Every structure is written in C-alpha cells, then in structure tokens.
Amino acid sequence: GQTSHASVVAVRLNKTCVVGCKALKVYETEERAEINGHTIRYGDPISIDGRMGLLLQGSHPVREELHILPI
C-alpha cells in the first residue's frame, strides 16, 4: 500500500513504484519476467502507472501531475 516501506522509499527517491504485484513472476537468471501470460524480457520497454498500480508493456507518454497543497 501507499504506506509500505517500498512506497515510502520510492517517494523519497522521486521514483514510481508498484507494490504487491502478486501476478508478476521474475526469472532473474533468464533475464525475463511473466505477468498474466505476457513475457517481458531484459531491455523491453515498460511503463509504470503508480497512481493506478499498472505495469504496461511498451513506452507510454509521461504525464506530470501538479499537487495543490492546502494552505
């Protein structure tokens, strides 16, 4: 969740993070991963939607969000 250690560290490092991705299987020695019947190989472009918790194949446009803080 949003308060997990990985999430907090990612925010501090200004990185996008998806945690609890149970469907993702990583095979480090084979340099590939599988999720829902799709294979991702080392070097394949992926995109991460941290707000929606999505891992997407391919390069997708980046959309920056502005955060309005209450005064």
Protein backbone atom coordinates (compact mmCIF):
# COMPACT_ATOMS: atom_id res chain seq x y z
CA GLY A 1 0.00 0.00 0.00
CA GLN A 2 0.86 3.69 0.00
CA THR A 3 2.48 3.50 3.43
CA SER A 4 4.59 0.36 2.83
CA HIS A 5 8.36 0.71 3.21
CA ALA A 6 8.90 0.33 -0.55
CA SER A 7 6.35 3.05 -1.30
CA VAL A 8 7.84 5.47 1.20
CA VAL A 9 11.38 4.90 -0.11
CA ALA A 10 10.21 5.33 -3.72
CA VAL A 11 8.59 8.67 -2.87
CA ARG A 12 11.78 9.85 -1.15
CA LEU A 13 13.80 8.88 -4.24
CA ASN A 14 11.22 10.52 -6.55
CA LYS A 15 10.57 7.16 -8.26
CA THR A 16 7.39 5.42 -9.36
CA CYS A 17 6.65 2.19 -7.54
CA VAL A 18 4.06 -0.58 -7.70
CA VAL A 19 3.97 -2.89 -4.66
CA GLY A 20 2.14 -6.15 -4.07
CA CYS A 21 2.23 -7.31 -7.70
CA LYS A 22 1.42 -10.97 -6.93
CA ALA A 23 0.89 -11.92 -10.59
CA LEU A 24 4.45 -10.90 -11.55
CA LYS A 25 6.97 -13.74 -11.69
CA VAL A 26 10.62 -12.74 -12.14
CA TYR A 27 13.24 -15.15 -13.50
CA GLU A 28 16.50 -13.28 -12.87
CA THR A 29 18.89 -15.86 -14.33
CA GLU A 30 16.82 -15.98 -17.55
CA GLU A 31 16.51 -12.17 -17.64
CA ARG A 32 12.76 -12.24 -18.09
CA ALA A 33 9.52 -11.81 -16.20
CA GLU A 34 5.97 -13.02 -16.75
CA ILE A 35 2.65 -11.47 -15.83
CA ASN A 36 -0.81 -12.63 -16.87
CA GLY A 37 0.55 -14.70 -19.77
CA HIS A 38 2.81 -11.92 -21.11
CA THR A 39 6.61 -12.17 -21.15
CA ILE A 40 8.84 -9.17 -20.53
CA ARG A 41 12.49 -9.63 -21.45
CA TYR A 42 15.53 -7.70 -20.26
CA GLY A 43 15.66 -4.44 -22.20
CA ASP A 44 11.98 -4.43 -23.21
CA PRO A 45 10.40 -1.04 -22.55
CA ILE A 46 7.76 -0.94 -19.81
CA SER A 47 5.77 1.87 -18.26
CA ILE A 48 4.53 2.05 -14.67
CA ASP A 49 1.37 3.88 -13.63
CA GLY A 50 1.98 4.35 -9.91
CA ARG A 51 -1.39 6.01 -9.30
CA MET A 52 -3.41 3.14 -10.81
CA GLY A 53 -0.94 0.38 -9.91
CA LEU A 54 -0.43 -0.73 -13.51
CA LEU A 55 2.54 -2.29 -15.27
CA LEU A 56 2.27 -1.64 -19.02
CA GLN A 57 4.26 -3.12 -21.89
CA GLY A 58 5.88 -0.54 -24.14
CA SER A 59 6.70 3.12 -23.76
CA HIS A 60 3.77 5.34 -22.82
CA PRO A 61 3.75 9.14 -22.53
CA VAL A 62 4.63 10.60 -19.15
CA ARG A 63 2.02 12.84 -17.56
CA GLU A 64 3.20 15.00 -14.72
CA GLU A 65 0.70 15.90 -12.04
CA LEU A 66 0.61 19.11 -10.08
CA HIS A 67 -0.11 18.71 -6.40
CA ILE A 68 -2.10 21.54 -4.87
CA LEU A 69 -1.35 21.77 -1.17
CA PRO A 70 -3.93 23.16 1.23
CA ILE A 71 -2.98 26.45 2.87
